[in-house]
């Protein structure tokens, strides 16, 4: 199972800049309440599902989030 921190690392690579990643992380936090940069519980399946669903809604490929 992928963790929220691992997902954040993959997203950083995908976005190629810290500024772009930070903007996406803020949007995810506003929508889900999950801080991708400093998650409280990195392996919480409910939080991870919320983050994944939000990223898909934002147009990111599900393959980015695959286990």
C-alpha atoms as a PDB file:
ATOM      1  CA  UNK A   1       0.000   0.000   0.000  1.00  0.00           C
ATOM      2  CA  UNK A   2       1.294   3.425  -0.928  1.00  0.00           C
ATOM      3  CA  UNK A   3       1.505   5.962   1.926  1.00  0.00           C
ATOM      4  CA  UNK A   4       0.592   9.635   1.820  1.00  0.00           C
ATOM      5  CA  UNK A   5       4.291  10.587   2.011  1.00  0.00           C
ATOM      6  CA  UNK A   6       5.116   8.286  -0.910  1.00  0.00           C
ATOM      7  CA  UNK A   7       2.254   9.776  -2.883  1.00  0.00           C
ATOM      8  CA  UNK A   8       3.575  13.265  -2.116  1.00  0.00           C
ATOM      9  CA  UNK A   9       7.050  12.261  -3.341  1.00  0.00           C
ATOM     10  CA  UNK A  10       5.602  10.905  -6.595  1.00  0.00           C
ATOM     11  CA  UNK A  11       3.606  14.096  -7.035  1.00  0.00           C
ATOM     12  CA  UNK A  12       6.741  16.212  -6.502  1.00  0.00           C
ATOM     13  CA  UNK A  13       8.461  14.311  -9.304  1.00  0.00           C
ATOM     14  CA  UNK A  14       5.387  14.644 -11.533  1.00  0.00           C
ATOM     15  CA  UNK A  15       5.013  18.406 -11.006  1.00  0.00           C
ATOM     16  CA  UNK A  16       8.765  19.092 -11.340  1.00  0.00           C
ATOM     17  CA  UNK A  17       8.702  22.213  -9.118  1.00  0.00           C
ATOM     18  CA  UNK A  18       8.249  22.779  -5.413  1.00  0.00           C
ATOM     19  CA  UNK A  19       5.888  25.697  -6.072  1.00  0.00           C
ATOM     20  CA  UNK A  20       3.542  23.587  -8.206  1.00  0.00           C
ATOM     21  CA  UNK A  21       3.584  20.778  -5.644  1.00  0.00           C
ATOM     22  CA  UNK A  22       2.880  23.208  -2.808  1.00  0.00           C
ATOM     23  CA  UNK A  23      -0.111  24.687  -4.669  1.00  0.00           C
ATOM     24  CA  UNK A  24      -1.540  21.226  -5.278  1.00  0.00           C
ATOM     25  CA  UNK A  25      -0.893  20.185  -1.670  1.00  0.00           C
ATOM     26  CA  UNK A  26      -2.750  23.265  -0.413  1.00  0.00           C
ATOM     27  CA  UNK A  27      -5.704  22.510  -2.662  1.00  0.00           C
ATOM     28  CA  UNK A  28      -5.771  18.906  -1.459  1.00  0.00           C
ATOM     29  CA  UNK A  29      -5.592  20.064   2.165  1.00  0.00           C
ATOM     30  CA  UNK A  30      -8.481  22.500   1.697  1.00  0.00           C
ATOM     31  CA  UNK A  31     -10.646  19.830   0.096  1.00  0.00           C
ATOM     32  CA  UNK A  32      -9.751  16.827   2.276  1.00  0.00           C
ATOM     33  CA  UNK A  33      -8.183  18.175   5.457  1.00  0.00           C
ATOM     34  CA  UNK A  34      -5.083  16.055   4.791  1.00  0.00           C
ATOM     35  CA  UNK A  35      -1.706  17.769   4.836  1.00  0.00           C
ATOM     36  CA  UNK A  36       0.353  15.922   2.215  1.00  0.00           C
ATOM     37  CA  UNK A  37       3.550  17.667   3.263  1.00  0.00           C
ATOM     38  CA  UNK A  38       3.294  16.652   6.941  1.00  0.00           C
ATOM     39  CA  UNK A  39       0.583  13.998   7.304  1.00  0.00           C
ATOM     40  CA  UNK A  40      -0.497  13.072  10.839  1.00  0.00           C
ATOM     41  CA  UNK A  41      -1.134   9.424  10.037  1.00  0.00           C
ATOM     42  CA  UNK A  42       0.730   8.451   6.905  1.00  0.00           C
ATOM     43  CA  UNK A  43      -1.066   5.138   6.422  1.00  0.00           C
ATOM     44  CA  UNK A  44      -4.678   6.079   7.257  1.00  0.00           C
ATOM     45  CA  UNK A  45      -6.695   4.344   4.501  1.00  0.00           C
ATOM     46  CA  UNK A  46      -9.572   6.836   4.671  1.00  0.00           C
ATOM     47  CA  UNK A  47      -7.277   9.855   4.352  1.00  0.00           C
ATOM     48  CA  UNK A  48      -5.349   8.170   1.555  1.00  0.00           C
ATOM     49  CA  UNK A  49      -8.563   7.419  -0.340  1.00  0.00           C
ATOM     50  CA  UNK A  50      -9.660  11.059  -0.008  1.00  0.00           C
ATOM     51  CA  UNK A  51      -6.303  12.310  -1.322  1.00  0.00           C
ATOM     52  CA  UNK A  52      -6.327   9.875  -4.243  1.00  0.00           C
ATOM     53  CA  UNK A  53      -9.899  10.801  -5.210  1.00  0.00           C
ATOM     54  CA  UNK A  54      -9.086  14.507  -5.042  1.00  0.00           C
ATOM     55  CA  UNK A  55      -5.993  14.106  -7.220  1.00  0.00           C
ATOM     56  CA  UNK A  56      -7.998  12.164  -9.801  1.00  0.00           C
ATOM     57  CA  UNK A  57     -10.617  14.947  -9.783  1.00  0.00           C
ATOM     58  CA  UNK A  58      -7.769  17.411 -10.383  1.00  0.00           C
ATOM     59  CA  UNK A  59      -6.718  15.456 -13.469  1.00  0.00           C
ATOM     60  CA  UNK A  60      -3.801  13.372 -12.254  1.00  0.00           C
ATOM     61  CA  UNK A  61      -3.496   9.878 -13.646  1.00  0.00           C
ATOM     62  CA  UNK A  62      -4.465   7.067 -11.314  1.00  0.00           C
ATOM     63  CA  UNK A  63      -1.210   5.286 -12.258  1.00  0.00           C
ATOM     64  CA  UNK A  64       0.603   7.929 -10.171  1.00  0.00           C
ATOM     65  CA  UNK A  65      -1.194   6.542  -7.131  1.00  0.00           C
ATOM     66  CA  UNK A  66      -0.915   2.820  -7.850  1.00  0.00           C
ATOM     67  CA  UNK A  67       0.436   0.566  -5.126  1.00  0.00           C
END
